[in-house]
Amino acid sequence: MLQPHESQKLVETVQYASLHSDERTDLRQAVEAASSEVLLAERDSLNPSLKGPKAQRKLFEAQAKLDSTIEAFDRLQHRVDTIRKYRDTTSAYREARAGAQRHQMLLRWVQQQIPLIEKDLGLPCSTTRLALEGDMLTGTDSDESDDQGTNAALSCTSSISEYGGLQRSESKKRSRLDSTSVEATLGHSNAPSKRSRHDVDSSSSSS
């Protein structure tokens, strides 16, 4: 069905649908021209002054040319219709495949970003489960790999969030401890000294 220079990848492109429009137009015009030649040959064969072997041969050649032109047009039309049917039937699959490829690209980007976040937070987090096996999509295996990669990414992101929350909690605890220490120090410094009152009493007795 496909020509030697054609491939499945070419057939699935949007531009392929318009590649045969010019060829189909040329064949249609050739059929119309051949039909006109047949009509002229038939008219000549009915003319008493032109009757004979030459007129019959001309009619035979015109009819053969028309038949071959119609066959070529029908063959092209059959190819175009079959390929269009294939494209319509597999359109949902091709869209799903393109979506899976975009999903893998997103997972690769997430895999590249997680080590940078880990480095900033000082948090060790294994990302080996995010490794994508090749660029080929293989049905269920690819879907399972994508799900595992997504779960791993969410796990690492959750760990990073928890780590950040712990850091903020520890910081708040330190702030409260520092505030309590300062208040205790200030309260101790403002309390009157017992030694000072004794000295004052002694001074009063001496007087």
C-alpha atoms as a PDB file:
ATOM      1  CA  MET A   1       0.000   0.000   0.000  1.00  0.00           C
ATOM      2  CA  LEU A   2       2.839   2.411   0.854  1.00  0.00           C
ATOM      3  CA  GLN A   3       5.351   3.590  -1.701  1.00  0.00           C
ATOM      4  CA  PRO A   4       9.073   2.776  -1.214  1.00  0.00           C
ATOM      5  CA  HIS A   5       9.800   6.338  -0.060  1.00  0.00           C
ATOM      6  CA  GLU A   6       6.882   6.363   2.417  1.00  0.00           C
ATOM      7  CA  SER A   7       6.894   5.180   6.027  1.00  0.00           C
ATOM      8  CA  GLN A   8       4.440   4.835   8.884  1.00  0.00           C
ATOM      9  CA  LYS A   9       5.893   7.929  10.531  1.00  0.00           C
ATOM     10  CA  LEU A  10       5.319   9.953   7.364  1.00  0.00           C
ATOM     11  CA  VAL A  11       1.759   8.677   7.003  1.00  0.00           C
ATOM     12  CA  GLU A  12       0.925   9.781  10.550  1.00  0.00           C
ATOM     13  CA  THR A  13       1.985  13.388   9.948  1.00  0.00           C
ATOM     14  CA  VAL A  14      -0.586  16.106   9.362  1.00  0.00           C
ATOM     15  CA  GLN A  15       1.098  17.181   6.118  1.00  0.00           C
ATOM     16  CA  TYR A  16       0.709  13.765   4.512  1.00  0.00           C
ATOM     17  CA  ALA A  17      -3.023  14.246   3.927  1.00  0.00           C
ATOM     18  CA  SER A  18      -2.324  17.015   1.395  1.00  0.00           C
ATOM     19  CA  LEU A  19       0.578  15.330  -0.402  1.00  0.00           C
ATOM     20  CA  HIS A  20      -1.618  13.553  -2.977  1.00  0.00           C
ATOM     21  CA  SER A  21      -3.991  16.401  -3.766  1.00  0.00           C
ATOM     22  CA  ASP A  22      -1.962  17.548  -6.793  1.00  0.00           C
ATOM     23  CA  GLU A  23      -1.496  13.989  -8.062  1.00  0.00           C
ATOM     24  CA  ARG A  24      -5.194  13.284  -7.758  1.00  0.00           C
ATOM     25  CA  THR A  25      -6.035  16.495  -9.630  1.00  0.00           C
ATOM     26  CA  ASP A  26      -3.661  15.568 -12.462  1.00  0.00           C
ATOM     27  CA  LEU A  27      -5.158  12.079 -12.772  1.00  0.00           C
ATOM     28  CA  ARG A  28      -8.689  13.456 -12.799  1.00  0.00           C
ATOM     29  CA  GLN A  29      -7.775  15.832 -15.603  1.00  0.00           C
ATOM     30  CA  ALA A  30      -6.131  12.956 -17.480  1.00  0.00           C
ATOM     31  CA  VAL A  31      -9.335  10.917 -17.212  1.00  0.00           C
ATOM     32  CA  GLU A  32     -11.362  13.798 -18.575  1.00  0.00           C
ATOM     33  CA  ALA A  33      -8.952  14.264 -21.488  1.00  0.00           C
ATOM     34  CA  ALA A  34      -8.980  10.537 -22.292  1.00  0.00           C
ATOM     35  CA  SER A  35     -12.775  10.541 -22.229  1.00  0.00           C
ATOM     36  CA  SER A  36     -12.813  13.385 -24.745  1.00  0.00           C
ATOM     37  CA  GLU A  37     -10.451  11.461 -27.034  1.00  0.00           C
ATOM     38  CA  VAL A  38     -12.748   8.417 -26.898  1.00  0.00           C
ATOM     39  CA  LEU A  39     -15.744  10.547 -27.852  1.00  0.00           C
ATOM     40  CA  LEU A  40     -13.841  12.019 -30.791  1.00  0.00           C
ATOM     41  CA  ALA A  41     -12.699   8.570 -31.923  1.00  0.00           C
ATOM     42  CA  GLU A  42     -16.253   7.240 -31.727  1.00  0.00           C
ATOM     43  CA  ARG A  43     -17.514  10.156 -33.773  1.00  0.00           C
ATOM     44  CA  ASP A  44     -14.864   9.566 -36.403  1.00  0.00           C
ATOM     45  CA  SER A  45     -15.704   5.867 -36.534  1.00  0.00           C
ATOM     46  CA  LEU A  46     -19.326   6.765 -37.347  1.00  0.00           C
ATOM     47  CA  ASN A  47     -18.375   9.187 -40.091  1.00  0.00           C
ATOM     48  CA  PRO A  48     -18.779   7.431 -43.462  1.00  0.00           C
ATOM     49  CA  SER A  49     -15.846   9.319 -44.933  1.00  0.00           C
ATOM     50  CA  LEU A  50     -13.506   8.296 -42.065  1.00  0.00           C
ATOM     51  CA  LYS A  51     -14.595   4.707 -41.555  1.00  0.00           C
ATOM     52  CA  GLY A  52     -11.942   2.058 -41.820  1.00  0.00           C
ATOM     53  CA  PRO A  53      -9.102   0.330 -39.964  1.00  0.00           C
ATOM     54  CA  LYS A  54      -7.445   3.630 -39.075  1.00  0.00           C
ATOM     55  CA  ALA A  55     -10.551   4.977 -37.319  1.00  0.00           C
ATOM     56  CA  GLN A  56     -11.058   1.695 -35.483  1.00  0.00           C
ATOM     57  CA  ARG A  57      -7.444   1.635 -34.318  1.00  0.00           C
ATOM     58  CA  LYS A  58      -7.732   5.221 -33.107  1.00  0.00           C
ATOM     59  CA  LEU A  59     -10.857   4.344 -31.126  1.00  0.00           C
ATOM     60  CA  PHE A  60      -9.186   1.266 -29.654  1.00  0.00           C
ATOM     61  CA  GLU A  61      -6.132   3.264 -28.538  1.00  0.00           C
ATOM     62  CA  ALA A  62      -8.271   6.026 -27.016  1.00  0.00           C
ATOM     63  CA  GLN A  63     -10.339   3.505 -25.075  1.00  0.00           C
ATOM     64  CA  ALA A  64      -7.222   1.710 -23.787  1.00  0.00           C
ATOM     65  CA  LYS A  65      -5.746   5.027 -22.644  1.00  0.00           C
ATOM     66  CA  LEU A  66      -8.979   5.905 -20.855  1.00  0.00           C
ATOM     67  CA  ASP A  67      -9.067   2.531 -19.107  1.00  0.00           C
ATOM     68  CA  SER A  68      -5.467   2.809 -17.878  1.00  0.00           C
ATOM     69  CA  THR A  69      -6.030   6.379 -16.680  1.00  0.00           C
ATOM     70  CA  ILE A  70      -9.160   5.403 -14.766  1.00  0.00           C
ATOM     71  CA  GLU A  71      -7.301   2.470 -13.209  1.00  0.00           C
ATOM     72  CA  ALA A  72      -4.484   4.748 -12.043  1.00  0.00           C
ATOM     73  CA  PHE A  73      -6.973   7.204 -10.560  1.00  0.00           C
ATOM     74  CA  ASP A  74      -8.873   4.432  -8.764  1.00  0.00           C
ATOM     75  CA  ARG A  75      -5.624   2.976  -7.406  1.00  0.00           C
ATOM     76  CA  LEU A  76      -4.592   6.340  -5.990  1.00  0.00           C
ATOM     77  CA  GLN A  77      -8.030   6.955  -4.542  1.00  0.00           C
ATOM     78  CA  HIS A  78      -7.974   3.542  -2.865  1.00  0.00           C
ATOM     79  CA  ARG A  79      -4.590   4.297  -1.284  1.00  0.00           C
ATOM     80  CA  VAL A  80      -5.773   7.679  -0.036  1.00  0.00           C
ATOM     81  CA  ASP A  81      -8.987   6.254   1.415  1.00  0.00           C
ATOM     82  CA  THR A  82      -7.191   3.354   3.110  1.00  0.00           C
ATOM     83  CA  ILE A  83      -4.574   5.616   4.675  1.00  0.00           C
ATOM     84  CA  ARG A  84      -7.253   8.051   5.827  1.00  0.00           C
ATOM     85  CA  LYS A  85      -9.140   5.185   7.458  1.00  0.00           C
ATOM     86  CA  TYR A  86      -5.939   4.065   9.182  1.00  0.00           C
ATOM     87  CA  ARG A  87      -5.298   7.586  10.483  1.00  0.00           C
ATOM     88  CA  ASP A  88      -8.860   7.914  11.783  1.00  0.00           C
ATOM     89  CA  THR A  89      -8.752   4.498  13.459  1.00  0.00           C
ATOM     90  CA  THR A  90      -5.401   5.080  15.189  1.00  0.00           C
ATOM     91  CA  SER A  91      -5.862   8.754  16.067  1.00  0.00           C
ATOM     92  CA  ALA A  92      -6.778   7.993  19.704  1.00  0.00           C
ATOM     93  CA  TYR A  93      -3.740   5.723  20.079  1.00  0.00           C
ATOM     94  CA  ARG A  94      -1.403   8.316  18.576  1.00  0.00           C
ATOM     95  CA  GLU A  95      -2.748  11.015  20.891  1.00  0.00           C
ATOM     96  CA  ALA A  96      -2.278   8.731  23.903  1.00  0.00           C
ATOM     97  CA  ARG A  97       1.262   7.928  22.796  1.00  0.00           C
ATOM     98  CA  ALA A  98       2.071  11.618  22.413  1.00  0.00           C
ATOM     99  CA  GLY A  99       0.631  12.273  25.874  1.00  0.00           C
ATOM    100  CA  ALA A 100       2.775   9.509  27.369  1.00  0.00           C
ATOM    101  CA  GLN A 101       5.862  10.998  25.743  1.00  0.00           C
ATOM    102  CA  ARG A 102       5.045  14.421  27.210  1.00  0.00           C
ATOM    103  CA  HIS A 103       4.543  12.762  30.604  1.00  0.00           C
ATOM    104  CA  GLN A 104       7.985  11.171  30.409  1.00  0.00           C
ATOM    105  CA  MET A 105       9.515  14.533  29.525  1.00  0.00           C
ATOM    106  CA  LEU A 106       7.872  16.014  32.629  1.00  0.00           C
ATOM    107  CA  LEU A 107       9.216  13.190  34.794  1.00  0.00           C
ATOM    108  CA  ARG A 108      12.724  13.788  33.449  1.00  0.00           C
ATOM    109  CA  TRP A 109      12.428  17.464  34.341  1.00  0.00           C
ATOM    110  CA  VAL A 110      11.255  16.570  37.869  1.00  0.00           C
ATOM    111  CA  GLN A 111      14.178  14.171  38.190  1.00  0.00           C
ATOM    112  CA  GLN A 112      16.577  16.974  37.275  1.00  0.00           C
ATOM    113  CA  GLN A 113      15.049  19.441  39.737  1.00  0.00           C
ATOM    114  CA  ILE A 114      14.900  17.222  42.838  1.00  0.00           C
ATOM    115  CA  PRO A 115      18.710  16.994  43.383  1.00  0.00           C
ATOM    116  CA  LEU A 116      18.909  20.799  43.263  1.00  0.00           C
ATOM    117  CA  ILE A 117      16.239  21.099  45.950  1.00  0.00           C
ATOM    118  CA  GLU A 118      17.948  18.411  48.036  1.00  0.00           C
ATOM    119  CA  LYS A 119      21.239  20.288  47.797  1.00  0.00           C
ATOM    120  CA  ASP A 120      19.670  23.545  48.988  1.00  0.00           C
ATOM    121  CA  LEU A 121      17.968  21.863  51.966  1.00  0.00           C
ATOM    122  CA  GLY A 122      20.779  19.444  52.768  1.00  0.00           C
ATOM    123  CA  LEU A 123      18.334  16.566  52.599  1.00  0.00           C
ATOM    124  CA  PRO A 124      19.482  13.195  51.209  1.00  0.00           C
ATOM    125  CA  CYS A 125      16.782  11.613  49.092  1.00  0.00           C
ATOM    126  CA  SER A 126      17.338   8.733  46.679  1.00  0.00           C
ATOM    127  CA  THR A 127      15.941   9.388  43.195  1.00  0.00           C
ATOM    128  CA  THR A 128      16.965   6.112  41.642  1.00  0.00           C
ATOM    129  CA  ARG A 129      13.343   5.078  41.272  1.00  0.00           C
ATOM    130  CA  LEU A 130      12.820   8.003  38.912  1.00  0.00           C
ATOM    131  CA  ALA A 131      15.194   6.523  36.342  1.00  0.00           C
ATOM    132  CA  LEU A 132      13.400   6.160  33.032  1.00  0.00           C
ATOM    133  CA  GLU A 133      14.311   3.117  30.991  1.00  0.00           C
ATOM    134  CA  GLY A 134      15.029   4.378  27.459  1.00  0.00           C
ATOM    135  CA  ASP A 135      12.887   6.453  25.180  1.00  0.00           C
ATOM    136  CA  MET A 136      10.715   3.613  23.835  1.00  0.00           C
ATOM    137  CA  LEU A 137       7.159   3.346  25.070  1.00  0.00           C
ATOM    138  CA  THR A 138       6.006  -0.243  25.615  1.00  0.00           C
ATOM    139  CA  GLY A 139       2.343  -0.151  26.618  1.00  0.00           C
ATOM    140  CA  THR A 140       1.665  -1.308  30.174  1.00  0.00           C
ATOM    141  CA  ASP A 141       5.317  -1.318  31.191  1.00  0.00           C
ATOM    142  CA  SER A 142       5.602   2.361  30.330  1.00  0.00           C
ATOM    143  CA  ASP A 143       2.446   3.193  32.256  1.00  0.00           C
ATOM    144  CA  GLU A 144       3.732   1.323  35.330  1.00  0.00           C
ATOM    145  CA  SER A 145       7.098   3.055  35.038  1.00  0.00           C
ATOM    146  CA  ASP A 146       5.396   6.445  34.828  1.00  0.00           C
ATOM    147  CA  ASP A 147       3.276   5.650  37.902  1.00  0.00           C
ATOM    148  CA  GLN A 148       6.348   4.556  39.866  1.00  0.00           C
ATOM    149  CA  GLY A 149       8.236   7.661  38.813  1.00  0.00           C
ATOM    150  CA  THR A 150       5.341   9.884  39.814  1.00  0.00           C
ATOM    151  CA  ASN A 151       5.013   8.178  43.221  1.00  0.00           C
ATOM    152  CA  ALA A 152       8.746   8.513  43.830  1.00  0.00           C
ATOM    153  CA  ALA A 153       8.669  12.179  42.916  1.00  0.00           C
ATOM    154  CA  LEU A 154       5.734  12.773  45.258  1.00  0.00           C
ATOM    155  CA  SER A 155       7.538  10.840  48.018  1.00  0.00           C
ATOM    156  CA  CYS A 156      10.671  12.950  47.684  1.00  0.00           C
ATOM    157  CA  THR A 157       8.623  16.146  47.542  1.00  0.00           C
ATOM    158  CA  SER A 158       6.739  15.079  50.688  1.00  0.00           C
ATOM    159  CA  SER A 159      10.016  14.352  52.486  1.00  0.00           C
ATOM    160  CA  ILE A 160      11.355  17.755  51.519  1.00  0.00           C
ATOM    161  CA  SER A 161       8.187  19.435  52.808  1.00  0.00           C
ATOM    162  CA  GLU A 162       8.367  17.500  56.098  1.00  0.00           C
ATOM    163  CA  TYR A 163      12.021  18.420  56.489  1.00  0.00           C
ATOM    164  CA  GLY A 164      11.237  22.076  55.932  1.00  0.00           C
ATOM    165  CA  GLY A 165       8.426  21.868  58.515  1.00  0.00           C
ATOM    166  CA  LEU A 166      10.783  20.321  61.081  1.00  0.00           C
ATOM    167  CA  GLN A 167      13.312  23.080  60.500  1.00  0.00           C
ATOM    168  CA  ARG A 168      10.661  25.747  61.065  1.00  0.00           C
ATOM    169  CA  SER A 169       9.454  23.955  64.225  1.00  0.00           C
ATOM    170  CA  GLU A 170      12.984  23.736  65.651  1.00  0.00           C
ATOM    171  CA  SER A 171      13.537  27.411  64.877  1.00  0.00           C
ATOM    172  CA  LYS A 172      10.359  28.373  66.761  1.00  0.00           C
ATOM    173  CA  LYS A 173      11.412  26.253  69.771  1.00  0.00           C
ATOM    174  CA  ARG A 174      14.820  27.938  69.881  1.00  0.00           C
ATOM    175  CA  SER A 175      13.163  31.351  69.704  1.00  0.00           C
ATOM    176  CA  ARG A 176      10.864  30.525  72.646  1.00  0.00           C
ATOM    177  CA  LEU A 177      13.799  29.204  74.720  1.00  0.00           C
ATOM    178  CA  ASP A 178      15.840  32.325  74.007  1.00  0.00           C
ATOM    179  CA  SER A 179      12.916  34.558  75.019  1.00  0.00           C
ATOM    180  CA  THR A 180      12.423  32.632  78.282  1.00  0.00           C
ATOM    181  CA  SER A 181      16.128  32.889  79.092  1.00  0.00           C
ATOM    182  CA  VAL A 182      16.155  36.638  78.515  1.00  0.00           C
ATOM    183  CA  GLU A 183      13.083  37.161  80.699  1.00  0.00           C
ATOM    184  CA  ALA A 184      14.617  35.109  83.505  1.00  0.00           C
ATOM    185  CA  THR A 185      17.835  37.127  83.369  1.00  0.00           C
ATOM    186  CA  LEU A 186      15.993  40.430  83.461  1.00  0.00           C
ATOM    187  CA  GLY A 187      13.851  39.305  86.424  1.00  0.00           C
ATOM    188  CA  HIS A 188      16.906  38.231  88.399  1.00  0.00           C
ATOM    189  CA  SER A 189      18.687  41.518  87.820  1.00  0.00           C
ATOM    190  CA  ASN A 190      15.691  43.580  89.051  1.00  0.00           C
ATOM    191  CA  ALA A 191      15.253  41.658  92.377  1.00  0.00           C
ATOM    192  CA  PRO A 192      16.597  43.518  95.501  1.00  0.00           C
ATOM    193  CA  SER A 193      19.774  42.081  97.062  1.00  0.00           C
ATOM    194  CA  LYS A 194      19.599  40.640 100.641  1.00  0.00           C
ATOM    195  CA  ARG A 195      23.167  41.766 101.292  1.00  0.00           C
ATOM    196  CA  SER A 196      22.272  45.299 100.452  1.00  0.00           C
ATOM    197  CA  ARG A 197      19.388  45.347 102.998  1.00  0.00           C
ATOM    198  CA  HIS A 198      21.706  43.954 105.719  1.00  0.00           C
ATOM    199  CA  ASP A 199      24.222  46.649 105.038  1.00  0.00           C
ATOM    200  CA  VAL A 200      21.527  49.278 105.341  1.00  0.00           C
ATOM    201  CA  ASP A 201      20.297  47.872 108.673  1.00  0.00           C
ATOM    202  CA  SER A 202      23.844  47.810 110.042  1.00  0.00           C
ATOM    203  CA  SER A 203      24.380  51.376 109.065  1.00  0.00           C
ATOM    204  CA  SER A 204      21.178  52.422 110.836  1.00  0.00           C
ATOM    205  CA  SER A 205      22.192  50.678 114.113  1.00  0.00           C
ATOM    206  CA  SER A 206      25.588  52.317 114.120  1.00  0.00           C
ATOM    207  CA  SER A 207      24.003  55.673 113.821  1.00  0.00           C
END
